[in-house]
């Protein structure tokens, strides 16, 4: 039985006994704090305070496993890298993973902004298209709502949301093959989500997965499914963590 090696972007795929790579470990700023130690988020700002100091960009950071949200594992190192730059006060990503917001340092010139964008964009291989006109105004209005935007230190929350979406998908696959009650479906989802989150936390601790048992998937199947149907769970997992045709 292989050990689990997780990547934040697809931490939930550990449910599927996949061998993944590159657990993300990076120095994080405290959640919702700026570089000066303050705690203001975009919902607390006045729009005039941001005039000329915030730029918005279309970015391809949607989670392929949960297309309704941003990919936490992929976005996190990008946001953290932007916030390491001297001319960037804050870097935010909207919940959908489609718009990046950069709050620039006061009086930072266009040339220096362009240099930062090129440096980080090239390093992270991130295509960015700046929003102008009405799309930029709409993004700025949205930017006031802190619940819809996330900084690098908050990306782990999105990874956990990905875990829940993948667990739900696996349960639906099982339910298509085996008759299970709503209570069993709920318990099965909870077990799978819990396993994914434990494995994710173990990866963050730079640890092996010894704390979850030799075959946690089989253990869940024994606990939740009839003996003659336990293999269905593994079959559902082996279909992969990505949504297949017709799946959410």
C-alpha atoms as a PDB file:
ATOM      1  CA  UNK A   1       0.000   0.000   0.000  1.00  0.00           C
ATOM      2  CA  UNK A   2       1.713   3.216  -1.094  1.00  0.00           C
ATOM      3  CA  UNK A   3       2.100   6.094   1.300  1.00  0.00           C
ATOM      4  CA  UNK A   4       0.286   9.324   0.515  1.00  0.00           C
ATOM      5  CA  UNK A   5       2.223  12.286  -0.809  1.00  0.00           C
ATOM      6  CA  UNK A   6      -0.106  15.259  -1.271  1.00  0.00           C
ATOM      7  CA  UNK A   7      -0.167  18.465  -3.247  1.00  0.00           C
ATOM      8  CA  UNK A   8      -2.350  21.244  -1.848  1.00  0.00           C
ATOM      9  CA  UNK A   9      -4.116  21.811  -5.146  1.00  0.00           C
ATOM     10  CA  UNK A  10      -5.498  18.273  -5.106  1.00  0.00           C
ATOM     11  CA  UNK A  11      -5.205  17.340  -1.465  1.00  0.00           C
ATOM     12  CA  UNK A  12      -8.622  15.762  -1.610  1.00  0.00           C
ATOM     13  CA  UNK A  13      -7.405  13.337  -4.252  1.00  0.00           C
ATOM     14  CA  UNK A  14      -5.590  11.587  -1.415  1.00  0.00           C
ATOM     15  CA  UNK A  15      -8.998  10.057  -0.788  1.00  0.00           C
ATOM     16  CA  UNK A  16      -8.368   8.211  -4.011  1.00  0.00           C
ATOM     17  CA  UNK A  17      -5.062   6.699  -2.889  1.00  0.00           C
ATOM     18  CA  UNK A  18      -3.255   8.608  -5.619  1.00  0.00           C
ATOM     19  CA  UNK A  19       0.425   9.401  -5.315  1.00  0.00           C
ATOM     20  CA  UNK A  20       0.696  13.141  -5.760  1.00  0.00           C
ATOM     21  CA  UNK A  21       3.647  15.498  -5.496  1.00  0.00           C
ATOM     22  CA  UNK A  22       4.914  18.746  -4.072  1.00  0.00           C
ATOM     23  CA  UNK A  23       3.190  19.551  -0.802  1.00  0.00           C
ATOM     24  CA  UNK A  24       3.145  23.319  -0.664  1.00  0.00           C
ATOM     25  CA  UNK A  25       5.059  24.808   2.210  1.00  0.00           C
ATOM     26  CA  UNK A  26       5.591  28.530   2.166  1.00  0.00           C
ATOM     27  CA  UNK A  27       5.989  31.352   4.597  1.00  0.00           C
ATOM     28  CA  UNK A  28       2.541  32.867   5.032  1.00  0.00           C
ATOM     29  CA  UNK A  29       1.401  36.259   6.195  1.00  0.00           C
ATOM     30  CA  UNK A  30      -1.220  36.215   8.896  1.00  0.00           C
ATOM     31  CA  UNK A  31      -4.722  35.925   7.454  1.00  0.00           C
ATOM     32  CA  UNK A  32      -6.250  39.258   6.515  1.00  0.00           C
ATOM     33  CA  UNK A  33      -3.302  41.336   7.723  1.00  0.00           C
ATOM     34  CA  UNK A  34      -1.328  43.740   5.632  1.00  0.00           C
ATOM     35  CA  UNK A  35       2.453  44.050   5.579  1.00  0.00           C
ATOM     36  CA  UNK A  36       2.284  46.804   8.141  1.00  0.00           C
ATOM     37  CA  UNK A  37       0.555  44.531  10.623  1.00  0.00           C
ATOM     38  CA  UNK A  38      -2.925  45.993  10.211  1.00  0.00           C
ATOM     39  CA  UNK A  39      -6.089  43.920   9.972  1.00  0.00           C
ATOM     40  CA  UNK A  40      -8.044  45.805   7.371  1.00  0.00           C
ATOM     41  CA  UNK A  41      -9.654  43.799   4.579  1.00  0.00           C
ATOM     42  CA  UNK A  42     -11.268  45.088   1.420  1.00  0.00           C
ATOM     43  CA  UNK A  43     -14.721  45.262   3.036  1.00  0.00           C
ATOM     44  CA  UNK A  44     -13.333  47.803   5.529  1.00  0.00           C
ATOM     45  CA  UNK A  45     -11.822  50.112   2.958  1.00  0.00           C
ATOM     46  CA  UNK A  46     -13.231  53.219   1.386  1.00  0.00           C
ATOM     47  CA  UNK A  47     -13.058  53.052  -2.391  1.00  0.00           C
ATOM     48  CA  UNK A  48     -11.309  56.408  -2.555  1.00  0.00           C
ATOM     49  CA  UNK A  49      -8.437  54.920  -0.531  1.00  0.00           C
ATOM     50  CA  UNK A  50      -7.794  52.497  -3.382  1.00  0.00           C
ATOM     51  CA  UNK A  51      -8.090  54.942  -6.251  1.00  0.00           C
ATOM     52  CA  UNK A  52      -5.160  54.356  -8.574  1.00  0.00           C
ATOM     53  CA  UNK A  53      -3.625  51.796  -6.232  1.00  0.00           C
ATOM     54  CA  UNK A  54      -5.433  48.579  -7.120  1.00  0.00           C
ATOM     55  CA  UNK A  55      -5.294  46.660 -10.383  1.00  0.00           C
ATOM     56  CA  UNK A  56      -7.385  43.686 -11.443  1.00  0.00           C
ATOM     57  CA  UNK A  57      -6.396  40.897 -13.809  1.00  0.00           C
ATOM     58  CA  UNK A  58      -8.143  37.959 -15.424  1.00  0.00           C
ATOM     59  CA  UNK A  59      -6.261  34.815 -14.371  1.00  0.00           C
ATOM     60  CA  UNK A  60      -6.783  31.061 -15.001  1.00  0.00           C
ATOM     61  CA  UNK A  61      -6.826  29.849 -11.396  1.00  0.00           C
ATOM     62  CA  UNK A  62     -10.106  27.926 -11.325  1.00  0.00           C
ATOM     63  CA  UNK A  63      -9.975  24.546  -9.593  1.00  0.00           C
ATOM     64  CA  UNK A  64     -10.386  21.756 -12.191  1.00  0.00           C
ATOM     65  CA  UNK A  65     -11.712  19.390  -9.532  1.00  0.00           C
ATOM     66  CA  UNK A  66     -14.244  21.926  -8.226  1.00  0.00           C
ATOM     67  CA  UNK A  67     -14.849  24.398 -11.086  1.00  0.00           C
ATOM     68  CA  UNK A  68     -16.987  26.737  -8.981  1.00  0.00           C
ATOM     69  CA  UNK A  69     -14.016  27.847  -6.835  1.00  0.00           C
ATOM     70  CA  UNK A  70     -10.376  28.861  -7.083  1.00  0.00           C
ATOM     71  CA  UNK A  71      -7.618  26.278  -6.957  1.00  0.00           C
ATOM     72  CA  UNK A  72      -6.099  26.852  -3.527  1.00  0.00           C
ATOM     73  CA  UNK A  73      -2.929  24.859  -4.135  1.00  0.00           C
ATOM     74  CA  UNK A  74      -2.104  26.582  -7.396  1.00  0.00           C
ATOM     75  CA  UNK A  75      -3.064  30.080  -6.278  1.00  0.00           C
ATOM     76  CA  UNK A  76      -1.344  30.113  -2.914  1.00  0.00           C
ATOM     77  CA  UNK A  77       2.304  30.315  -4.041  1.00  0.00           C
ATOM     78  CA  UNK A  78       1.381  32.944  -6.636  1.00  0.00           C
ATOM     79  CA  UNK A  79      -0.299  35.221  -4.103  1.00  0.00           C
ATOM     80  CA  UNK A  80       2.521  34.761  -1.610  1.00  0.00           C
ATOM     81  CA  UNK A  81       5.111  35.552  -4.272  1.00  0.00           C
ATOM     82  CA  UNK A  82       3.331  38.772  -5.210  1.00  0.00           C
ATOM     83  CA  UNK A  83       3.235  39.826  -1.557  1.00  0.00           C
ATOM     84  CA  UNK A  84       6.991  39.299  -1.281  1.00  0.00           C
ATOM     85  CA  UNK A  85       7.506  42.072  -3.830  1.00  0.00           C
ATOM     86  CA  UNK A  86       8.452  45.417  -2.357  1.00  0.00           C
ATOM     87  CA  UNK A  87       5.912  47.329  -4.436  1.00  0.00           C
ATOM     88  CA  UNK A  88       2.909  45.098  -3.596  1.00  0.00           C
ATOM     89  CA  UNK A  89       1.046  45.682  -0.361  1.00  0.00           C
ATOM     90  CA  UNK A  90      -1.587  42.970  -0.825  1.00  0.00           C
ATOM     91  CA  UNK A  91      -2.488  40.257  -3.347  1.00  0.00           C
ATOM     92  CA  UNK A  92      -6.016  38.834  -3.442  1.00  0.00           C
ATOM     93  CA  UNK A  93      -7.908  36.292  -5.549  1.00  0.00           C
ATOM     94  CA  UNK A  94     -11.667  36.166  -5.928  1.00  0.00           C
ATOM     95  CA  UNK A  95     -13.478  33.037  -4.744  1.00  0.00           C
ATOM     96  CA  UNK A  96     -14.083  31.830  -8.295  1.00  0.00           C
ATOM     97  CA  UNK A  97     -10.376  31.938  -9.140  1.00  0.00           C
ATOM     98  CA  UNK A  98     -10.870  34.212 -12.133  1.00  0.00           C
ATOM     99  CA  UNK A  99      -9.695  37.657 -10.958  1.00  0.00           C
ATOM    100  CA  UNK A 100      -6.449  38.642  -9.240  1.00  0.00           C
ATOM    101  CA  UNK A 101      -6.316  41.961  -7.342  1.00  0.00           C
ATOM    102  CA  UNK A 102      -3.042  43.690  -6.529  1.00  0.00           C
ATOM    103  CA  UNK A 103      -2.883  46.611  -4.115  1.00  0.00           C
ATOM    104  CA  UNK A 104       0.218  48.591  -5.003  1.00  0.00           C
ATOM    105  CA  UNK A 105       2.420  50.596  -2.682  1.00  0.00           C
ATOM    106  CA  UNK A 106       1.695  54.314  -2.726  1.00  0.00           C
ATOM    107  CA  UNK A 107       3.386  56.270  -5.491  1.00  0.00           C
ATOM    108  CA  UNK A 108       4.675  53.152  -7.237  1.00  0.00           C
ATOM    109  CA  UNK A 109       5.268  54.032 -10.880  1.00  0.00           C
ATOM    110  CA  UNK A 110       3.887  52.209 -13.881  1.00  0.00           C
ATOM    111  CA  UNK A 111       7.331  50.948 -14.915  1.00  0.00           C
ATOM    112  CA  UNK A 112       7.910  49.293 -11.549  1.00  0.00           C
ATOM    113  CA  UNK A 113       4.414  47.794 -11.601  1.00  0.00           C
ATOM    114  CA  UNK A 114       5.068  46.364 -15.049  1.00  0.00           C
ATOM    115  CA  UNK A 115       8.381  44.936 -13.847  1.00  0.00           C
ATOM    116  CA  UNK A 116       6.710  43.139 -10.941  1.00  0.00           C
ATOM    117  CA  UNK A 117       3.988  41.742 -13.177  1.00  0.00           C
ATOM    118  CA  UNK A 118       6.516  40.415 -15.676  1.00  0.00           C
ATOM    119  CA  UNK A 119       8.827  38.985 -13.010  1.00  0.00           C
ATOM    120  CA  UNK A 120       6.142  37.081 -11.098  1.00  0.00           C
ATOM    121  CA  UNK A 121       4.166  36.218 -14.220  1.00  0.00           C
ATOM    122  CA  UNK A 122       7.205  34.674 -15.874  1.00  0.00           C
ATOM    123  CA  UNK A 123       8.313  32.891 -12.717  1.00  0.00           C
ATOM    124  CA  UNK A 124       4.887  31.366 -12.064  1.00  0.00           C
ATOM    125  CA  UNK A 125       3.964  30.988 -15.754  1.00  0.00           C
ATOM    126  CA  UNK A 126       0.785  32.943 -15.067  1.00  0.00           C
ATOM    127  CA  UNK A 127      -1.013  34.658 -17.954  1.00  0.00           C
ATOM    128  CA  UNK A 128      -2.651  37.893 -16.792  1.00  0.00           C
ATOM    129  CA  UNK A 129      -4.931  40.287 -18.637  1.00  0.00           C
ATOM    130  CA  UNK A 130      -5.600  43.599 -16.888  1.00  0.00           C
ATOM    131  CA  UNK A 131      -9.210  44.650 -16.552  1.00  0.00           C
ATOM    132  CA  UNK A 132     -10.108  48.101 -17.839  1.00  0.00           C
ATOM    133  CA  UNK A 133     -13.263  50.221 -17.950  1.00  0.00           C
ATOM    134  CA  UNK A 134     -16.518  48.750 -16.640  1.00  0.00           C
ATOM    135  CA  UNK A 135     -15.060  45.280 -15.834  1.00  0.00           C
ATOM    136  CA  UNK A 136     -12.470  46.973 -13.614  1.00  0.00           C
ATOM    137  CA  UNK A 137     -15.176  49.058 -11.910  1.00  0.00           C
ATOM    138  CA  UNK A 138     -17.260  45.945 -11.283  1.00  0.00           C
ATOM    139  CA  UNK A 139     -14.229  44.172  -9.804  1.00  0.00           C
ATOM    140  CA  UNK A 140     -13.508  47.140  -7.533  1.00  0.00           C
ATOM    141  CA  UNK A 141     -17.085  47.140  -6.246  1.00  0.00           C
ATOM    142  CA  UNK A 142     -16.829  43.415  -5.581  1.00  0.00           C
ATOM    143  CA  UNK A 143     -13.463  43.899  -3.870  1.00  0.00           C
ATOM    144  CA  UNK A 144     -15.161  45.584  -0.917  1.00  0.00           C
ATOM    145  CA  UNK A 145     -16.760  42.264   0.051  1.00  0.00           C
ATOM    146  CA  UNK A 146     -14.078  40.412   2.003  1.00  0.00           C
ATOM    147  CA  UNK A 147     -15.989  37.121   1.930  1.00  0.00           C
ATOM    148  CA  UNK A 148     -15.563  36.945  -1.847  1.00  0.00           C
ATOM    149  CA  UNK A 149     -11.772  37.462  -1.850  1.00  0.00           C
ATOM    150  CA  UNK A 150      -8.831  35.555  -0.378  1.00  0.00           C
ATOM    151  CA  UNK A 151      -5.149  36.166   0.313  1.00  0.00           C
ATOM    152  CA  UNK A 152      -2.416  33.548   0.179  1.00  0.00           C
ATOM    153  CA  UNK A 153      -2.711  32.594   3.833  1.00  0.00           C
ATOM    154  CA  UNK A 154      -6.388  31.764   3.286  1.00  0.00           C
ATOM    155  CA  UNK A 155      -5.904  29.392   0.360  1.00  0.00           C
ATOM    156  CA  UNK A 156      -5.928  26.311   2.582  1.00  0.00           C
ATOM    157  CA  UNK A 157      -9.609  27.014   3.237  1.00  0.00           C
ATOM    158  CA  UNK A 158     -10.288  26.651  -0.482  1.00  0.00           C
ATOM    159  CA  UNK A 159      -8.323  23.424  -0.563  1.00  0.00           C
ATOM    160  CA  UNK A 160     -10.605  22.073   2.144  1.00  0.00           C
ATOM    161  CA  UNK A 161     -13.599  23.195   0.106  1.00  0.00           C
ATOM    162  CA  UNK A 162     -12.144  21.232  -2.822  1.00  0.00           C
ATOM    163  CA  UNK A 163     -11.927  18.189  -0.562  1.00  0.00           C
ATOM    164  CA  UNK A 164     -15.644  18.442   0.205  1.00  0.00           C
ATOM    165  CA  UNK A 165     -16.558  18.760  -3.481  1.00  0.00           C
ATOM    166  CA  UNK A 166     -14.512  15.686  -4.401  1.00  0.00           C
ATOM    167  CA  UNK A 167     -15.926  13.655  -1.512  1.00  0.00           C
ATOM    168  CA  UNK A 168     -19.454  14.554  -2.623  1.00  0.00           C
ATOM    169  CA  UNK A 169     -18.637  13.481  -6.189  1.00  0.00           C
ATOM    170  CA  UNK A 170     -17.369  10.091  -5.023  1.00  0.00           C
ATOM    171  CA  UNK A 171     -20.498   9.528  -2.937  1.00  0.00           C
ATOM    172  CA  UNK A 172     -22.705  10.258  -5.952  1.00  0.00           C
ATOM    173  CA  UNK A 173     -20.770   7.668  -7.953  1.00  0.00           C
ATOM    174  CA  UNK A 174     -21.262   5.097  -5.207  1.00  0.00           C
ATOM    175  CA  UNK A 175     -24.974   5.906  -4.940  1.00  0.00           C
ATOM    176  CA  UNK A 176     -25.348   5.337  -8.694  1.00  0.00           C
ATOM    177  CA  UNK A 177     -24.197   1.725  -8.223  1.00  0.00           C
ATOM    178  CA  UNK A 178     -25.398   0.839  -4.726  1.00  0.00           C
ATOM    179  CA  UNK A 179     -28.658   1.717  -3.004  1.00  0.00           C
ATOM    180  CA  UNK A 180     -27.750   3.711   0.090  1.00  0.00           C
ATOM    181  CA  UNK A 181     -29.872   5.764   2.435  1.00  0.00           C
ATOM    182  CA  UNK A 182     -29.456   9.542   2.726  1.00  0.00           C
ATOM    183  CA  UNK A 183     -28.003   8.943   6.185  1.00  0.00           C
ATOM    184  CA  UNK A 184     -25.383   6.548   4.810  1.00  0.00           C
ATOM    185  CA  UNK A 185     -24.528   8.943   1.985  1.00  0.00           C
ATOM    186  CA  UNK A 186     -24.036  11.747   4.500  1.00  0.00           C
ATOM    187  CA  UNK A 187     -21.848   9.568   6.729  1.00  0.00           C
ATOM    188  CA  UNK A 188     -19.806   8.335   3.776  1.00  0.00           C
ATOM    189  CA  UNK A 189     -19.209  11.897   2.588  1.00  0.00           C
ATOM    190  CA  UNK A 190     -18.165  12.892   6.097  1.00  0.00           C
ATOM    191  CA  UNK A 191     -15.712   9.988   6.316  1.00  0.00           C
ATOM    192  CA  UNK A 192     -14.131  10.769   2.949  1.00  0.00           C
ATOM    193  CA  UNK A 193     -13.944  14.478   3.651  1.00  0.00           C
ATOM    194  CA  UNK A 194     -12.423  13.803   7.058  1.00  0.00           C
ATOM    195  CA  UNK A 195      -9.808  11.506   5.519  1.00  0.00           C
ATOM    196  CA  UNK A 196      -8.887  14.087   2.904  1.00  0.00           C
ATOM    197  CA  UNK A 197      -8.526  16.821   5.513  1.00  0.00           C
ATOM    198  CA  UNK A 198      -6.387  14.622   7.788  1.00  0.00           C
ATOM    199  CA  UNK A 199      -4.099  13.779   4.908  1.00  0.00           C
ATOM    200  CA  UNK A 200      -3.896  17.418   3.925  1.00  0.00           C
ATOM    201  CA  UNK A 201      -2.884  18.394   7.462  1.00  0.00           C
ATOM    202  CA  UNK A 202      -0.308  15.602   7.519  1.00  0.00           C
ATOM    203  CA  UNK A 203       1.161  16.918   4.270  1.00  0.00           C
ATOM    204  CA  UNK A 204       1.379  20.393   5.799  1.00  0.00           C
ATOM    205  CA  UNK A 205       3.276  18.895   8.733  1.00  0.00           C
ATOM    206  CA  UNK A 206       5.692  17.315   6.237  1.00  0.00           C
ATOM    207  CA  UNK A 207       4.628  13.931   7.571  1.00  0.00           C
ATOM    208  CA  UNK A 208       3.866  10.545   6.130  1.00  0.00           C
ATOM    209  CA  UNK A 209       0.320   9.223   6.281  1.00  0.00           C
ATOM    210  CA  UNK A 210       0.902   6.663   9.004  1.00  0.00           C
ATOM    211  CA  UNK A 211      -1.739   8.294  11.162  1.00  0.00           C
ATOM    212  CA  UNK A 212      -4.625   7.207   8.936  1.00  0.00           C
ATOM    213  CA  UNK A 213      -4.061   3.439   8.841  1.00  0.00           C
ATOM    214  CA  UNK A 214      -2.768   1.111   6.132  1.00  0.00           C
ATOM    215  CA  UNK A 215      -5.915   1.180   3.973  1.00  0.00           C
ATOM    216  CA  UNK A 216      -8.293   3.898   5.162  1.00  0.00           C
ATOM    217  CA  UNK A 217     -10.485   3.567   2.076  1.00  0.00           C
ATOM    218  CA  UNK A 218     -11.224  -0.107   2.787  1.00  0.00           C
ATOM    219  CA  UNK A 219     -11.917   0.789   6.398  1.00  0.00           C
ATOM    220  CA  UNK A 220     -14.509   3.373   5.337  1.00  0.00           C
ATOM    221  CA  UNK A 221     -16.118   0.908   2.920  1.00  0.00           C
ATOM    222  CA  UNK A 222     -16.424  -1.744   5.644  1.00  0.00           C
ATOM    223  CA  UNK A 223     -18.009   0.779   7.975  1.00  0.00           C
ATOM    224  CA  UNK A 224     -20.547   2.222   5.527  1.00  0.00           C
ATOM    225  CA  UNK A 225     -21.351  -0.304   2.783  1.00  0.00           C
ATOM    226  CA  UNK A 226     -22.702  -3.886   2.587  1.00  0.00           C
ATOM    227  CA  UNK A 227     -19.953  -6.484   2.338  1.00  0.00           C
ATOM    228  CA  UNK A 228     -20.802  -7.421  -1.252  1.00  0.00           C
ATOM    229  CA  UNK A 229     -20.699  -3.769  -2.371  1.00  0.00           C
ATOM    230  CA  UNK A 230     -17.576  -2.484  -0.640  1.00  0.00           C
ATOM    231  CA  UNK A 231     -15.523  -2.607  -3.816  1.00  0.00           C
ATOM    232  CA  UNK A 232     -17.784   0.003  -5.362  1.00  0.00           C
ATOM    233  CA  UNK A 233     -16.166   2.711  -3.267  1.00  0.00           C
ATOM    234  CA  UNK A 234     -12.719   1.910  -4.606  1.00  0.00           C
ATOM    235  CA  UNK A 235     -14.098   1.791  -8.150  1.00  0.00           C
ATOM    236  CA  UNK A 236     -15.623   5.244  -7.657  1.00  0.00           C
ATOM    237  CA  UNK A 237     -12.302   6.560  -6.409  1.00  0.00           C
ATOM    238  CA  UNK A 238     -10.362   5.032  -9.292  1.00  0.00           C
ATOM    239  CA  UNK A 239     -12.456   7.043 -11.752  1.00  0.00           C
ATOM    240  CA  UNK A 240     -10.404  10.038 -10.628  1.00  0.00           C
ATOM    241  CA  UNK A 241     -11.051  13.226  -8.732  1.00  0.00           C
ATOM    242  CA  UNK A 242     -11.941  15.322 -11.787  1.00  0.00           C
ATOM    243  CA  UNK A 243     -15.604  15.630 -12.801  1.00  0.00           C
ATOM    244  CA  UNK A 244     -16.447  13.246 -15.635  1.00  0.00           C
ATOM    245  CA  UNK A 245     -18.970  13.964 -18.376  1.00  0.00           C
ATOM    246  CA  UNK A 246     -22.305  14.846 -16.781  1.00  0.00           C
ATOM    247  CA  UNK A 247     -20.836  15.204 -13.254  1.00  0.00           C
ATOM    248  CA  UNK A 248     -20.721  18.318 -11.131  1.00  0.00           C
END
